[in-house]
Every structure is written in structure tokens, then in C-alpha cells.
Amino acid sequence: MEAALINGIADRRRSPRHYRIEEHGVMSTRVRPGHRAMLINISAGGALIETPHRLLPGSNVDLYVERNNYRASVRGRVLRSAVVRVHPASIYYRGAIGFDRCLPWFVEPERVDATQAVV
């Protein structure tokens, strides 16, 4: 796999990020037990979300995503988190979540080299 350059830095991500709803189709995102979250981007292996629910790096979370008529619950770990907005009555966190297992919606089939020698 060839690393793409983002702002001059090699992007070593294992799967592509989907940013727009036209790309990922996710209509609703929640952090267990039901805290609303705004999806920034998502891939087969993780998601970047923004939520008023406190996200602690290293903690386990269950992310519920809804796409058309399909719902999925994916367990993951908060990889990093930062405060992004402060209001008089709330604080918003942006957190990167690495999934324990791949979200099947975005898993690309492995490419098979058709020129492999048959033994």
C-alpha cells in the first residue's frame, strides 16, 4: 500500500476515511448509552466524532451508527480526545475511536494478484 501525502506528511491509514454523508451514508451516531455524536469521518477501522459526552483516552466505548435501515454497534477504544468547544452550559469533545473489529460497510475486498504462480 502506498502512503498518500496530507499536508506533506505520509498518511499511513489502513483504510480510507469517508467524510461526507454521500460517501458513508451514516444518518445517526450515538455513544452508549445514547449520547448524541456528530460524525466527522469514518472508516472500516475507526471514526472521528464530536460529542458533549466526555471521551477519555484509553477508555472503551460503544458507538451506535445508523445507515438507511441498518444499525450497527461497534466497540472501540478512545485513541485521543480534545476539547473543541466550550459553552456556558456544556463542553464538546472531539475524539478518535479505533474499532475493535472492522465496520463491514467500508471493508474493501482484498485484491488478488491474478499473475500469481500456481503451485
Foldseek 3Di string as FASTA:
>chain_A
DAFDADPNHTDPDPFDKDADCVRVQWDFKAKPPGFGWAWRIDAQFWTKIKGQDDADAQDKIWMWTDGDPDIDIFIWGFHDKDFDDDDPVTTMMITITTTPGTDVVHDDDDDDDPPDDDD
